[in-house]
Amino acid sequence: AVGPLLTGFVSQWAGWHNVFYMLMFANALALVFLSR
């Protein structure tokens, strides 16, 4: 629910490149929580 909502704001105010940076950062956080 949060991802598509954030994407609307980020794409409008910061551009689509930053949307993909957000997605890459989210994937990195998913990795961190799996590390243990």
All heavy atoms as atom14 arrays in JSON, in Angstrom:
{
  "sequence": "AVGPLLTGFVSQWAGWHNVFYMLMFANALALVFLSR",
  "atom14_mask": [
    [1, 1, 1, 1, 1, 0, 0, 0, 0, 0, 0, 0, 0, 0],
    [1, 1, 1, 1, 1, 1, 1, 0, 0, 0, 0, 0, 0, 0],
    [1, 1, 1, 1, 0, 0, 0, 0, 0, 0, 0, 0, 0, 0],
    [1, 1, 1, 1, 1, 1, 1, 0, 0, 0, 0, 0, 0, 0],
    [1, 1, 1, 1, 1, 1, 1, 1, 0, 0, 0, 0, 0, 0],
    [1, 1, 1, 1, 1, 1, 1, 1, 0, 0, 0, 0, 0, 0],
    [1, 1, 1, 1, 1, 1, 1, 0, 0, 0, 0, 0, 0, 0],
    [1, 1, 1, 1, 0, 0, 0, 0, 0, 0, 0, 0, 0, 0],
    [1, 1, 1, 1, 1, 1, 1, 1, 1, 1, 1, 0, 0, 0],
    [1, 1, 1, 1, 1, 1, 1, 0, 0, 0, 0, 0, 0, 0],
    [1, 1, 1, 1, 1, 1, 0, 0, 0, 0, 0, 0, 0, 0],
    [1, 1, 1, 1, 1, 1, 1, 1, 1, 0, 0, 0, 0, 0],
    [1, 1, 1, 1, 1, 1, 1, 1, 1, 1, 1, 1, 1, 1],
    [1, 1, 1, 1, 1, 0, 0, 0, 0, 0, 0, 0, 0, 0],
    [1, 1, 1, 1, 0, 0, 0, 0, 0, 0, 0, 0, 0, 0],
    [1, 1, 1, 1, 1, 1, 1, 1, 1, 1, 1, 1, 1, 1],
    [1, 1, 1, 1, 1, 1, 1, 1, 1, 1, 0, 0, 0, 0],
    [1, 1, 1, 1, 1, 1, 1, 1, 0, 0, 0, 0, 0, 0],
    [1, 1, 1, 1, 1, 1, 1, 0, 0, 0, 0, 0, 0, 0],
    [1, 1, 1, 1, 1, 1, 1, 1, 1, 1, 1, 0, 0, 0],
    [1, 1, 1, 1, 1, 1, 1, 1, 1, 1, 1, 1, 0, 0],
    [1, 1, 1, 1, 1, 1, 1, 1, 0, 0, 0, 0, 0, 0],
    [1, 1, 1, 1, 1, 1, 1, 1, 0, 0, 0, 0, 0, 0],
    [1, 1, 1, 1, 1, 1, 1, 1, 0, 0, 0, 0, 0, 0],
    [1, 1, 1, 1, 1, 1, 1, 1, 1, 1, 1, 0, 0, 0],
    [1, 1, 1, 1, 1, 0, 0, 0, 0, 0, 0, 0, 0, 0],
    [1, 1, 1, 1, 1, 1, 1, 1, 0, 0, 0, 0, 0, 0],
    [1, 1, 1, 1, 1, 0, 0, 0, 0, 0, 0, 0, 0, 0],
    [1, 1, 1, 1, 1, 1, 1, 1, 0, 0, 0, 0, 0, 0],
    [1, 1, 1, 1, 1, 0, 0, 0, 0, 0, 0, 0, 0, 0],
    [1, 1, 1, 1, 1, 1, 1, 1, 0, 0, 0, 0, 0, 0],
    [1, 1, 1, 1, 1, 1, 1, 0, 0, 0, 0, 0, 0, 0],
    [1, 1, 1, 1, 1, 1, 1, 1, 1, 1, 1, 0, 0, 0],
    [1, 1, 1, 1, 1, 1, 1, 1, 0, 0, 0, 0, 0, 0],
    [1, 1, 1, 1, 1, 1, 0, 0, 0, 0, 0, 0, 0, 0],
    [1, 1, 1, 1, 1, 1, 1, 1, 1, 1, 1, 0, 0, 0]
  ],
  "atom14_positions": [
    [[0.82, -1.21, 0.0], [0.0, 0.0, 0.0], [0.86, 1.26, 0.0], [0.53, 2.26, -0.66], [-0.92, -0.01, 1.22], [0.0, 0.0, 0.0], [0.0, 0.0, 0.0], [0.0, 0.0, 0.0], [0.0, 0.0, 0.0], [0.0, 0.0, 0.0], [0.0, 0.0, 0.0], [0.0, 0.0, 0.0], [0.0, 0.0, 0.0], [0.0, 0.0, 0.0]],
    [[1.96, 1.21, 0.74], [2.83, 2.39, 0.87], [3.59, 2.66, -0.43], [3.72, 3.83, -0.86], [3.83, 2.2, 2.03], [4.9, 3.29, 2.03], [3.08, 2.18, 3.36], [0.0, 0.0, 0.0], [0.0, 0.0, 0.0], [0.0, 0.0, 0.0], [0.0, 0.0, 0.0], [0.0, 0.0, 0.0], [0.0, 0.0, 0.0], [0.0, 0.0, 0.0]],
    [[4.08, 1.62, -1.11], [4.91, 1.79, -2.3], [4.25, 2.59, -3.42], [4.79, 3.62, -3.87], [0.0, 0.0, 0.0], [0.0, 0.0, 0.0], [0.0, 0.0, 0.0], [0.0, 0.0, 0.0], [0.0, 0.0, 0.0], [0.0, 0.0, 0.0], [0.0, 0.0, 0.0], [0.0, 0.0, 0.0], [0.0, 0.0, 0.0], [0.0, 0.0, 0.0]],
    [[3.08, 2.15, -3.93], [2.43, 2.92, -4.99], [2.07, 4.34, -4.58], [2.1, 5.27, -5.39], [1.17, 2.09, -5.28], [1.52, 0.7, -4.87], [2.39, 0.87, -3.66], [0.0, 0.0, 0.0], [0.0, 0.0, 0.0], [0.0, 0.0, 0.0], [0.0, 0.0, 0.0], [0.0, 0.0, 0.0], [0.0, 0.0, 0.0], [0.0, 0.0, 0.0]],
    [[1.72, 4.52, -3.29], [1.38, 5.86, -2.8], [2.6, 6.77, -2.85], [2.54, 7.92, -3.32], [0.84, 5.76, -1.38], [0.29, 7.05, -0.75], [-0.92, 7.55, -1.52], [-0.07, 6.81, 0.71], [0.0, 0.0, 0.0], [0.0, 0.0, 0.0], [0.0, 0.0, 0.0], [0.0, 0.0, 0.0], [0.0, 0.0, 0.0], [0.0, 0.0, 0.0]],
    [[3.75, 6.28, -2.36], [4.98, 7.06, -2.4], [5.42, 7.36, -3.83], [5.92, 8.45, -4.13], [6.1, 6.31, -1.68], [6.07, 6.29, -0.15], [7.21, 5.44, 0.38], [6.16, 7.71, 0.4], [0.0, 0.0, 0.0], [0.0, 0.0, 0.0], [0.0, 0.0, 0.0], [0.0, 0.0, 0.0], [0.0, 0.0, 0.0], [0.0, 0.0, 0.0]],
    [[5.22, 6.38, -4.71], [5.65, 6.54, -6.1], [4.95, 7.71, -6.77], [5.56, 8.44, -7.56], [5.39, 5.25, -6.89], [6.11, 4.18, -6.29], [5.82, 5.39, -8.34], [0.0, 0.0, 0.0], [0.0, 0.0, 0.0], [0.0, 0.0, 0.0], [0.0, 0.0, 0.0], [0.0, 0.0, 0.0], [0.0, 0.0, 0.0], [0.0, 0.0, 0.0]],
    [[3.68, 7.91, -6.45], [2.96, 9.04, -7.03], [3.6, 10.37, -6.68], [3.75, 11.25, -7.54], [0.0, 0.0, 0.0], [0.0, 0.0, 0.0], [0.0, 0.0, 0.0], [0.0, 0.0, 0.0], [0.0, 0.0, 0.0], [0.0, 0.0, 0.0], [0.0, 0.0, 0.0], [0.0, 0.0, 0.0], [0.0, 0.0, 0.0], [0.0, 0.0, 0.0]],
    [[4.0, 10.52, -5.41], [4.63, 11.77, -4.98], [6.05, 11.89, -5.52], [6.46, 12.95, -6.01], [4.64, 11.84, -3.45], [3.28, 11.95, -2.84], [2.75, 10.9, -2.11], [2.51, 13.1, -3.0], [1.49, 10.98, -1.55], [1.25, 13.2, -2.44], [0.72, 12.13, -1.72], [0.0, 0.0, 0.0], [0.0, 0.0, 0.0], [0.0, 0.0, 0.0]],
    [[6.83, 10.81, -5.42], [8.23, 10.86, -5.84], [8.35, 11.12, -7.34], [9.17, 11.93, -7.79], [8.96, 9.56, -5.46], [10.39, 9.55, -6.01], [8.99, 9.37, -3.95], [0.0, 0.0, 0.0], [0.0, 0.0, 0.0], [0.0, 0.0, 0.0], [0.0, 0.0, 0.0], [0.0, 0.0, 0.0], [0.0, 0.0, 0.0], [0.0, 0.0, 0.0]],
    [[7.53, 10.43, -8.14], [7.6, 10.61, -9.6], [7.21, 12.03, -10.0], [7.75, 12.58, -10.97], [6.69, 9.6, -10.3], [5.34, 9.79, -9.94], [0.0, 0.0, 0.0], [0.0, 0.0, 0.0], [0.0, 0.0, 0.0], [0.0, 0.0, 0.0], [0.0, 0.0, 0.0], [0.0, 0.0, 0.0], [0.0, 0.0, 0.0], [0.0, 0.0, 0.0]],
    [[6.27, 12.62, -9.26], [5.82, 13.98, -9.6], [6.83, 15.04, -9.21], [7.07, 16.0, -9.96], [4.48, 14.25, -8.91], [3.89, 15.63, -9.25], [2.53, 15.84, -8.58], [2.02, 14.95, -7.9], [1.96, 17.0, -8.79], [0.0, 0.0, 0.0], [0.0, 0.0, 0.0], [0.0, 0.0, 0.0], [0.0, 0.0, 0.0], [0.0, 0.0, 0.0]],
    [[7.45, 14.87, -8.03], [8.32, 15.93, -7.52], [9.81, 15.67, -7.73], [10.6, 16.62, -7.74], [8.06, 16.11, -6.01], [6.65, 16.52, -5.71], [5.68, 15.75, -5.16], [6.05, 17.79, -5.98], [4.5, 16.44, -5.06], [4.7, 17.71, -5.55], [6.51, 18.99, -6.53], [3.83, 18.76, -5.66], [5.62, 20.05, -6.64], [4.31, 19.94, -6.21]],
    [[10.22, 14.43, -7.91], [11.65, 14.14, -8.03], [12.01, 13.36, -9.29], [13.2, 13.16, -9.55], [12.12, 13.38, -6.8], [0.0, 0.0, 0.0], [0.0, 0.0, 0.0], [0.0, 0.0, 0.0], [0.0, 0.0, 0.0], [0.0, 0.0, 0.0], [0.0, 0.0, 0.0], [0.0, 0.0, 0.0], [0.0, 0.0, 0.0], [0.0, 0.0, 0.0]],
    [[11.03, 12.91, -10.06], [11.32, 12.22, -11.31], [11.4, 10.71, -11.15], [11.53, 10.17, -10.04], [0.0, 0.0, 0.0], [0.0, 0.0, 0.0], [0.0, 0.0, 0.0], [0.0, 0.0, 0.0], [0.0, 0.0, 0.0], [0.0, 0.0, 0.0], [0.0, 0.0, 0.0], [0.0, 0.0, 0.0], [0.0, 0.0, 0.0], [0.0, 0.0, 0.0]],
    [[11.33, 10.0, -12.28], [11.28, 8.54, -12.27], [12.6, 7.9, -11.88], [12.62, 6.79, -11.34], [10.86, 8.02, -13.65], [9.38, 8.11, -13.84], [8.7, 9.05, -14.56], [8.39, 7.24, -13.27], [7.35, 8.81, -14.49], [7.13, 7.71, -13.71], [8.45, 6.12, -12.45], [5.94, 7.09, -13.34], [7.27, 5.5, -12.08], [6.04, 5.98, -12.52]],
    [[13.73, 8.57, -12.11], [15.01, 8.01, -11.68], [15.02, 7.79, -10.17], [15.51, 6.77, -9.68], [16.16, 8.92, -12.08], [16.49, 8.87, -13.54], [16.7, 7.69, -14.22], [16.65, 9.87, -14.46], [16.96, 7.95, -15.49], [16.94, 9.26, -15.66], [0.0, 0.0, 0.0], [0.0, 0.0, 0.0], [0.0, 0.0, 0.0], [0.0, 0.0, 0.0]],
    [[14.47, 8.75, -9.44], [14.44, 8.64, -7.98], [13.45, 7.58, -7.51], [13.62, 7.01, -6.42], [14.1, 9.99, -7.35], [15.26, 10.97, -7.42], [16.31, 10.74, -6.83], [15.09, 12.05, -8.18], [0.0, 0.0, 0.0], [0.0, 0.0, 0.0], [0.0, 0.0, 0.0], [0.0, 0.0, 0.0], [0.0, 0.0, 0.0], [0.0, 0.0, 0.0]],
    [[12.42, 7.31, -8.31], [11.52, 6.21, -7.98], [12.3, 4.89, -8.0], [12.15, 4.07, -7.08], [10.34, 6.14, -8.98], [9.55, 4.84, -8.79], [9.42, 7.34, -8.81], [0.0, 0.0, 0.0], [0.0, 0.0, 0.0], [0.0, 0.0, 0.0], [0.0, 0.0, 0.0], [0.0, 0.0, 0.0], [0.0, 0.0, 0.0], [0.0, 0.0, 0.0]],
    [[13.13, 4.71, -9.0], [13.92, 3.47, -9.09], [14.98, 3.4, -7.99], [15.29, 2.31, -7.49], [14.54, 3.34, -10.47], [13.61, 2.73, -11.48], [12.69, 3.5, -12.15], [13.62, 1.36, -11.73], [11.8, 2.94, -13.07], [12.75, 0.79, -12.64], [11.84, 1.58, -13.31], [0.0, 0.0, 0.0], [0.0, 0.0, 0.0], [0.0, 0.0, 0.0]],
    [[15.53, 4.55, -7.6], [16.45, 4.55, -6.46], [15.71, 4.11, -5.19], [16.26, 3.39, -4.35], [17.06, 5.94, -6.25], [18.13, 6.3, -7.26], [18.13, 7.54, -7.9], [19.15, 5.4, -7.57], [19.11, 7.87, -8.83], [20.14, 5.71, -8.49], [20.1, 6.95, -9.12], [21.07, 7.27, -10.03], [0.0, 0.0, 0.0], [0.0, 0.0, 0.0]],
    [[14.46, 4.57, -5.05], [13.65, 4.17, -3.9], [13.42, 2.65, -3.9], [13.53, 2.0, -2.85], [12.3, 4.9, -3.94], [11.36, 4.52, -2.82], [9.7, 5.24, -3.03], [9.02, 4.14, -4.28], [0.0, 0.0, 0.0], [0.0, 0.0, 0.0], [0.0, 0.0, 0.0], [0.0, 0.0, 0.0], [0.0, 0.0, 0.0], [0.0, 0.0, 0.0]],
    [[13.15, 2.09, -5.07], [12.92, 0.65, -5.17], [14.18, -0.14, -4.88], [14.14, -1.18, -4.21], [12.39, 0.3, -6.57], [11.06, 0.94, -6.98], [10.65, 0.47, -8.37], [9.96, 0.61, -5.97], [0.0, 0.0, 0.0], [0.0, 0.0, 0.0], [0.0, 0.0, 0.0], [0.0, 0.0, 0.0], [0.0, 0.0, 0.0], [0.0, 0.0, 0.0]],
    [[15.33, 0.34, -5.38], [16.59, -0.34, -5.09], [16.93, -0.29, -3.61], [17.41, -1.27, -3.03], [17.72, 0.28, -5.93], [17.64, -0.06, -7.41], [19.03, 0.6, -8.38], [18.41, 2.24, -8.75], [0.0, 0.0, 0.0], [0.0, 0.0, 0.0], [0.0, 0.0, 0.0], [0.0, 0.0, 0.0], [0.0, 0.0, 0.0], [0.0, 0.0, 0.0]],
    [[16.65, 0.84, -2.97], [16.89, 0.98, -1.53], [15.97, 0.04, -0.75], [16.4, -0.58, 0.25], [16.67, 2.44, -1.1], [16.92, 2.69, 0.36], [18.2, 2.57, 0.89], [15.88, 3.04, 1.2], [18.44, 2.8, 2.24], [16.1, 3.28, 2.55], [17.38, 3.15, 3.07], [0.0, 0.0, 0.0], [0.0, 0.0, 0.0], [0.0, 0.0, 0.0]],
    [[14.71, -0.08, -1.18], [13.77, -0.99, -0.53], [14.25, -2.44, -0.64], [14.16, -3.21, 0.33], [12.38, -0.83, -1.14], [0.0, 0.0, 0.0], [0.0, 0.0, 0.0], [0.0, 0.0, 0.0], [0.0, 0.0, 0.0], [0.0, 0.0, 0.0], [0.0, 0.0, 0.0], [0.0, 0.0, 0.0], [0.0, 0.0, 0.0], [0.0, 0.0, 0.0]],
    [[14.76, -2.82, -1.8], [15.3, -4.18, -1.96], [16.49, -4.4, -1.03], [16.66, -5.5, -0.47], [15.73, -4.4, -3.41], [14.73, -5.23, -4.19], [13.81, -5.8, -3.62], [14.89, -5.28, -5.49], [0.0, 0.0, 0.0], [0.0, 0.0, 0.0], [0.0, 0.0, 0.0], [0.0, 0.0, 0.0], [0.0, 0.0, 0.0], [0.0, 0.0, 0.0]],
    [[17.33, -3.37, -0.88], [18.49, -3.49, 0.02], [18.03, -3.69, 1.46], [18.61, -4.49, 2.21], [19.37, -2.25, -0.1], [0.0, 0.0, 0.0], [0.0, 0.0, 0.0], [0.0, 0.0, 0.0], [0.0, 0.0, 0.0], [0.0, 0.0, 0.0], [0.0, 0.0, 0.0], [0.0, 0.0, 0.0], [0.0, 0.0, 0.0], [0.0, 0.0, 0.0]],
    [[16.97, -2.99, 1.87], [16.45, -3.15, 3.23], [15.85, -4.54, 3.42], [15.97, -5.14, 4.51], [15.4, -2.07, 3.52], [15.93, -0.65, 3.69], [14.77, 0.32, 3.89], [16.89, -0.57, 4.89], [0.0, 0.0, 0.0], [0.0, 0.0, 0.0], [0.0, 0.0, 0.0], [0.0, 0.0, 0.0], [0.0, 0.0, 0.0], [0.0, 0.0, 0.0]],
    [[15.19, -5.06, 2.38], [14.68, -6.43, 2.46], [15.81, -7.42, 2.7], [15.67, -8.38, 3.46], [13.92, -6.79, 1.18], [0.0, 0.0, 0.0], [0.0, 0.0, 0.0], [0.0, 0.0, 0.0], [0.0, 0.0, 0.0], [0.0, 0.0, 0.0], [0.0, 0.0, 0.0], [0.0, 0.0, 0.0], [0.0, 0.0, 0.0], [0.0, 0.0, 0.0]],
    [[16.95, -7.18, 2.07], [18.13, -8.01, 2.28], [18.65, -7.91, 3.71], [19.03, -8.9, 4.33], [19.25, -7.58, 1.31], [19.29, -8.24, -0.05], [20.31, -7.54, -0.94], [19.66, -9.71, 0.09], [0.0, 0.0, 0.0], [0.0, 0.0, 0.0], [0.0, 0.0, 0.0], [0.0, 0.0, 0.0], [0.0, 0.0, 0.0], [0.0, 0.0, 0.0]],
    [[18.66, -6.69, 4.25], [19.16, -6.48, 5.61], [18.35, -7.28, 6.62], [18.9, -7.92, 7.52], [19.13, -4.97, 5.96], [19.41, -4.76, 7.46], [20.16, -4.22, 5.13], [0.0, 0.0, 0.0], [0.0, 0.0, 0.0], [0.0, 0.0, 0.0], [0.0, 0.0, 0.0], [0.0, 0.0, 0.0], [0.0, 0.0, 0.0], [0.0, 0.0, 0.0]],
    [[17.03, -7.26, 6.49], [16.18, -7.97, 7.44], [16.32, -9.48, 7.33], [15.99, -10.21, 8.27], [14.72, -7.56, 7.25], [14.38, -6.24, 7.87], [14.18, -5.12, 7.09], [14.28, -6.13, 9.25], [13.88, -3.89, 7.67], [13.98, -4.9, 9.84], [13.78, -3.78, 9.05], [0.0, 0.0, 0.0], [0.0, 0.0, 0.0], [0.0, 0.0, 0.0]],
    [[16.8, -9.96, 6.2], [17.02, -11.4, 6.03], [18.41, -11.84, 6.47], [18.69, -13.04, 6.51], [16.82, -11.8, 4.57], [15.39, -11.92, 4.04], [15.4, -12.31, 2.57], [14.6, -12.95, 4.85], [0.0, 0.0, 0.0], [0.0, 0.0, 0.0], [0.0, 0.0, 0.0], [0.0, 0.0, 0.0], [0.0, 0.0, 0.0], [0.0, 0.0, 0.0]],
    [[19.28, -10.89, 6.79], [20.7, -11.21, 6.99], [20.92, -12.24, 8.1], [21.75, -13.15, 7.96], [21.49, -9.93, 7.29], [20.95, -9.27, 8.43], [0.0, 0.0, 0.0], [0.0, 0.0, 0.0], [0.0, 0.0, 0.0], [0.0, 0.0, 0.0], [0.0, 0.0, 0.0], [0.0, 0.0, 0.0], [0.0, 0.0, 0.0], [0.0, 0.0, 0.0]],
    [[20.2, -12.12, 9.22], [20.4, -13.07, 10.32], [19.97, -14.48, 9.91], [20.65, -15.46, 10.23], [19.6, -12.63, 11.55], [19.91, -13.44, 12.82], [19.12, -12.94, 14.01], [17.73, -13.33, 13.88], [17.23, -14.48, 14.33], [18.03, -15.37, 14.89], [15.96, -14.76, 14.21], [0.0, 0.0, 0.0], [0.0, 0.0, 0.0], [0.0, 0.0, 0.0]]
  ]
}
